[in-house]
């Protein structure tokens, strides 16, 4: 069992660090409902993982060809880890997994619809821990939401913290006219980073493995009036604003992940 835990730990470390492009997209409708999407593209390192999987059956199972959607309601109703609010938010959510060696694809995409701006605020602030509670990443790779077939994560890196790094150090706010994400303070970020073994590991090997890209896209119900943030851009209709950054920028200057839009 310890050997299997080590294997899963190594694979998840690589999956969520090396050659990882992350795209976060928030779509808000005129009635203040919408969708929260988080996509992880690891296609560029599929061949390396396949080589590793050829020697480890547990890894090979995770990387078997698949194109499937797993719905969270299979576990939300009976979960003892989620709060009532979290069950309601995640109930209609899903994760789409694509593993295809022929087309060189390795992608995981989360989709969670929200019913109000208040739900969006909670979802954005607590998404990593909710995903960790239902072990969605483990189960996505195994292709079974009811029974993952993979060992418990144990002391392996927490994928929740890696899909949305140090989110607890930021205050996300959304209302009918504005959205903002702001670093609470640098000391809070440093404290969270120091206590998170996953992120410490990432920081150490980032120079060797290559940087990770992170993009946030906000699609609004009305044209944006004011926007500011790292590498910000807006579409011609002024309804979609994009902010881009890298994991190294997060470590070196965490305030660069601040943004604000008014619409």
Protein backbone atom coordinates (compact mmCIF):
# COMPACT_ATOMS: atom_id res chain seq x y z
CA UNK A 1 0.00 0.00 0.00
CA UNK A 2 2.83 2.44 0.85
CA UNK A 3 4.40 1.75 -2.54
CA UNK A 4 1.11 2.55 -4.29
CA UNK A 5 0.75 5.78 -2.34
CA UNK A 6 4.24 6.80 -3.42
CA UNK A 7 3.41 6.09 -7.06
CA UNK A 8 0.24 8.16 -6.94
CA UNK A 9 2.12 10.93 -5.15
CA UNK A 10 4.79 11.10 -7.83
CA UNK A 11 2.29 11.05 -10.70
CA UNK A 12 0.08 13.75 -9.23
CA UNK A 13 3.12 15.89 -8.52
CA UNK A 14 4.09 15.72 -12.18
CA UNK A 15 0.53 16.10 -13.46
CA UNK A 16 -0.10 19.31 -11.61
CA UNK A 17 3.27 20.94 -12.10
CA UNK A 18 5.02 20.13 -15.35
CA UNK A 19 3.79 21.70 -18.58
CA UNK A 20 0.46 22.52 -17.00
CA UNK A 21 -1.84 25.12 -18.55
CA UNK A 22 -4.76 26.13 -16.36
CA UNK A 23 -7.73 28.13 -17.59
CA UNK A 24 -10.34 29.44 -15.18
CA UNK A 25 -13.51 30.80 -16.78
CA UNK A 26 -16.43 32.48 -15.05
CA UNK A 27 -19.56 33.19 -17.11
CA UNK A 28 -22.25 35.38 -15.53
CA UNK A 29 -25.70 35.55 -17.13
CA UNK A 30 -28.05 38.58 -16.99
CA UNK A 31 -30.10 36.86 -14.25
CA UNK A 32 -26.89 36.38 -12.18
CA UNK A 33 -26.76 32.62 -12.71
CA UNK A 34 -23.75 31.26 -14.55
CA UNK A 35 -20.97 28.71 -14.83
CA UNK A 36 -17.58 28.22 -13.20
CA UNK A 37 -15.12 26.27 -15.35
CA UNK A 38 -11.58 25.16 -14.54
CA UNK A 39 -9.60 23.34 -17.27
CA UNK A 40 -6.23 21.63 -16.85
CA UNK A 41 -4.31 20.80 -20.02
CA UNK A 42 -1.43 18.37 -19.53
CA UNK A 43 -1.22 17.14 -23.12
CA UNK A 44 2.37 18.24 -23.67
CA UNK A 45 3.71 15.70 -21.19
CA UNK A 46 1.49 12.71 -22.04
CA UNK A 47 4.35 10.78 -23.64
CA UNK A 48 6.51 11.09 -20.50
CA UNK A 49 3.69 9.83 -18.31
CA UNK A 50 3.03 6.93 -20.67
CA UNK A 51 6.66 5.89 -20.37
CA UNK A 52 6.36 5.94 -16.59
CA UNK A 53 3.03 4.10 -16.72
CA UNK A 54 4.54 1.24 -18.73
CA UNK A 55 6.31 0.17 -15.53
CA UNK A 56 3.54 0.91 -13.02
CA UNK A 57 0.11 -0.69 -13.36
CA UNK A 58 -1.60 1.84 -11.06
CA UNK A 59 -0.43 4.75 -13.20
CA UNK A 60 -1.30 2.94 -16.42
CA UNK A 61 -4.89 2.53 -15.24
CA UNK A 62 -5.19 6.26 -14.62
CA UNK A 63 -3.87 7.00 -18.11
CA UNK A 64 -5.99 4.51 -20.05
CA UNK A 65 -7.74 6.10 -23.04
CA UNK A 66 -10.98 7.74 -21.97
CA UNK A 67 -13.39 10.50 -22.89
CA UNK A 68 -15.92 10.63 -20.11
CA UNK A 69 -17.94 12.99 -17.96
CA UNK A 70 -18.34 12.25 -14.27
CA UNK A 71 -21.21 13.92 -12.39
CA UNK A 72 -20.73 15.07 -8.82
CA UNK A 73 -24.30 14.24 -7.75
CA UNK A 74 -23.14 10.63 -7.52
CA UNK A 75 -21.45 11.54 -4.23
CA UNK A 76 -22.72 14.96 -3.10
CA UNK A 77 -26.03 13.69 -1.70
CA UNK A 78 -24.36 11.13 0.55
CA UNK A 79 -21.10 12.92 1.36
CA UNK A 80 -20.29 13.35 5.04
CA UNK A 81 -17.50 15.81 4.28
CA UNK A 82 -19.46 18.51 2.44
CA UNK A 83 -21.64 21.08 4.18
CA UNK A 84 -25.26 21.51 3.08
CA UNK A 85 -24.25 24.64 1.17
CA UNK A 86 -21.42 22.83 -0.57
CA UNK A 87 -23.68 19.93 -1.54
CA UNK A 88 -26.10 22.36 -3.17
CA UNK A 89 -23.33 24.16 -5.07
CA UNK A 90 -21.60 21.01 -6.33
CA UNK A 91 -24.72 18.95 -7.00
CA UNK A 92 -25.03 19.82 -10.70
CA UNK A 93 -21.28 19.99 -11.29
CA UNK A 94 -19.14 17.61 -13.30
CA UNK A 95 -15.63 16.82 -14.46
CA UNK A 96 -14.80 15.89 -18.05
CA UNK A 97 -11.71 13.75 -18.61
CA UNK A 98 -9.96 13.17 -21.93
CA UNK A 99 -6.97 10.85 -22.27
CA UNK A 100 -6.04 10.01 -25.85
CA UNK A 101 -2.49 9.07 -26.82
CA UNK A 102 -3.27 9.07 -30.57
CA UNK A 103 -4.37 12.72 -30.54
CA UNK A 104 -1.93 13.59 -27.74
CA UNK A 105 -4.57 14.80 -25.30
CA UNK A 106 -4.59 14.73 -21.51
CA UNK A 107 -7.17 17.14 -20.14
CA UNK A 108 -9.35 17.53 -17.08
CA UNK A 109 -12.16 20.11 -17.08
CA UNK A 110 -14.38 20.95 -14.13
CA UNK A 111 -17.75 22.61 -14.67
CA UNK A 112 -19.97 23.87 -11.84
CA UNK A 113 -23.08 25.97 -12.56
CA UNK A 114 -24.08 28.51 -9.92
CA UNK A 115 -27.53 29.86 -9.15
CA UNK A 116 -26.53 33.26 -7.77
CA UNK A 117 -23.65 35.67 -7.31
CA UNK A 118 -23.49 34.60 -3.66
CA UNK A 119 -22.93 30.99 -4.73
CA UNK A 120 -20.20 32.14 -7.12
CA UNK A 121 -18.38 33.93 -4.30
CA UNK A 122 -18.40 30.83 -2.09
CA UNK A 123 -17.52 28.51 -4.98
CA UNK A 124 -14.53 30.58 -6.06
CA UNK A 125 -13.21 30.92 -2.51
CA UNK A 126 -13.65 27.26 -1.53
CA UNK A 127 -13.41 25.28 -4.76
CA UNK A 128 -10.04 23.60 -4.02
CA UNK A 129 -11.14 22.26 -0.64
CA UNK A 130 -14.51 21.07 -1.97
CA UNK A 131 -12.79 19.17 -4.78
CA UNK A 132 -10.39 17.66 -2.26
CA UNK A 133 -13.30 16.55 -0.04
CA UNK A 134 -14.91 14.48 -2.80
CA UNK A 135 -11.51 13.31 -4.17
CA UNK A 136 -12.66 14.41 -7.63
CA UNK A 137 -9.19 14.39 -9.17
CA UNK A 138 -8.40 10.84 -8.04
CA UNK A 139 -11.73 9.64 -9.31
CA UNK A 140 -11.50 11.54 -12.56
CA UNK A 141 -8.28 9.75 -13.44
CA UNK A 142 -9.76 6.40 -12.52
CA UNK A 143 -13.00 7.17 -14.39
CA UNK A 144 -15.33 6.14 -11.59
CA UNK A 145 -17.02 8.61 -9.27
CA UNK A 146 -18.63 5.95 -7.11
CA UNK A 147 -15.47 3.93 -6.52
CA UNK A 148 -12.13 5.25 -7.69
CA UNK A 149 -10.20 1.98 -7.62
CA UNK A 150 -7.14 3.95 -6.55
CA UNK A 151 -5.68 4.15 -3.05
CA UNK A 152 -6.36 7.01 -0.71
CA UNK A 153 -4.15 10.05 -1.25
CA UNK A 154 -2.66 9.68 2.24
CA UNK A 155 0.38 12.00 2.35
CA UNK A 156 0.40 12.64 -1.39
CA UNK A 157 0.25 16.22 -2.64
CA UNK A 158 -3.17 17.82 -2.34
CA UNK A 159 -4.44 18.50 -5.87
CA UNK A 160 -6.93 21.00 -4.49
CA UNK A 161 -4.18 23.46 -3.59
CA UNK A 162 -2.50 22.98 -6.96
CA UNK A 163 -5.54 23.66 -9.14
CA UNK A 164 -6.06 26.98 -7.38
CA UNK A 165 -2.80 27.87 -5.62
CA UNK A 166 -2.98 29.62 -2.23
CA UNK A 167 -6.60 30.65 -2.81
CA UNK A 168 -7.12 31.18 0.92
CA UNK A 169 -4.65 34.08 0.80
CA UNK A 170 -6.96 35.98 -1.55
CA UNK A 171 -10.33 37.61 -0.97
CA UNK A 172 -12.66 37.04 -3.92
CA UNK A 173 -15.74 39.25 -4.12
CA UNK A 174 -18.60 39.34 -6.62
CA UNK A 175 -21.81 41.34 -6.82
CA UNK A 176 -24.14 42.49 -9.57
CA UNK A 177 -21.76 45.25 -10.71
CA UNK A 178 -18.22 44.10 -9.96
CA UNK A 179 -15.80 41.22 -9.44
CA UNK A 180 -12.49 41.41 -7.63
CA UNK A 181 -9.71 39.14 -6.42
CA UNK A 182 -7.25 40.68 -3.97
CA UNK A 183 -4.33 39.41 -1.93
CA UNK A 184 -5.26 39.70 1.75
CA UNK A 185 -1.68 40.42 2.73
CA UNK A 186 1.75 39.11 1.79
CA UNK A 187 2.32 37.54 5.21
CA UNK A 188 -0.88 35.49 4.85
CA UNK A 189 0.33 34.20 1.49
CA UNK A 190 3.77 33.33 2.92
CA UNK A 191 2.17 31.52 5.87
CA UNK A 192 -0.08 29.40 3.63
CA UNK A 193 2.82 28.62 1.31
CA UNK A 194 5.03 27.58 4.22
CA UNK A 195 2.38 25.16 5.52
CA UNK A 196 1.47 23.64 2.14
CA UNK A 197 3.86 20.79 1.35
CA UNK A 198 2.47 20.50 -2.20
CA UNK A 199 3.29 24.10 -3.05
CA UNK A 200 6.69 23.91 -1.37
CA UNK A 201 7.51 20.94 -3.57
CA UNK A 202 6.29 22.80 -6.64
CA UNK A 203 8.42 25.84 -5.82
CA UNK A 204 11.53 23.71 -5.48
CA UNK A 205 11.19 21.85 -8.78
CA UNK A 206 9.65 24.64 -10.89
CA UNK A 207 13.04 25.79 -12.28
CA UNK A 208 13.70 22.24 -13.51
CA UNK A 209 10.23 21.33 -14.80
CA UNK A 210 9.21 24.55 -16.54
CA UNK A 211 6.71 27.24 -15.62
CA UNK A 212 2.94 26.75 -15.33
CA UNK A 213 0.51 29.13 -17.04
CA UNK A 214 -2.70 30.38 -15.42
CA UNK A 215 -5.46 32.27 -17.23
CA UNK A 216 -8.64 33.78 -15.76
CA UNK A 217 -11.48 34.68 -18.13
CA UNK A 218 -14.53 36.66 -17.00
CA UNK A 219 -17.54 36.79 -19.33
CA UNK A 220 -19.98 39.43 -18.10
CA UNK A 221 -23.66 40.18 -18.75
CA UNK A 222 -22.85 43.79 -19.66
CA UNK A 223 -19.87 45.65 -21.14
CA UNK A 224 -17.06 46.26 -18.68
CA UNK A 225 -16.53 49.85 -17.54
CA UNK A 226 -13.25 49.51 -15.65
CA UNK A 227 -10.79 46.62 -15.42
CA UNK A 228 -7.27 46.17 -14.11
CA UNK A 229 -5.05 43.18 -13.45
CA UNK A 230 -2.01 41.27 -14.68
CA UNK A 231 -1.66 41.15 -18.50
CA UNK A 232 -5.31 42.18 -18.88
CA UNK A 233 -7.15 42.23 -22.21
CA UNK A 234 -10.76 42.76 -23.28
CA UNK A 235 -12.78 41.67 -26.30
CA UNK A 236 -14.24 44.13 -28.80
CA UNK A 237 -17.71 43.89 -27.27
CA UNK A 238 -16.14 44.60 -23.85
CA UNK A 239 -17.99 41.70 -22.24
CA UNK A 240 -15.05 39.31 -21.79
CA UNK A 241 -11.94 40.22 -19.80
CA UNK A 242 -8.87 37.98 -19.58
CA UNK A 243 -6.01 38.02 -17.07
CA UNK A 244 -2.90 35.86 -17.53
CA UNK A 245 -0.02 34.91 -15.26
CA UNK A 246 2.43 32.16 -14.36
CA UNK A 247 3.14 30.13 -11.25
CA UNK A 248 6.58 31.72 -10.90
CA UNK A 249 4.89 35.14 -10.87
CA UNK A 250 2.61 33.89 -8.12
CA UNK A 251 5.58 32.90 -5.97
CA UNK A 252 7.63 36.02 -6.67
CA UNK A 253 4.84 38.61 -6.65
CA UNK A 254 1.54 37.18 -5.38
CA UNK A 255 -0.20 40.54 -5.71
CA UNK A 256 0.12 40.15 -9.50
CA UNK A 257 -2.89 37.80 -9.30
CA UNK A 258 -5.07 40.66 -8.05
CA UNK A 259 -7.75 41.87 -10.46
CA UNK A 260 -10.89 44.00 -10.47
CA UNK A 261 -13.62 44.66 -13.00
CA UNK A 262 -16.68 46.90 -12.88
CA UNK A 263 -19.51 46.52 -15.34
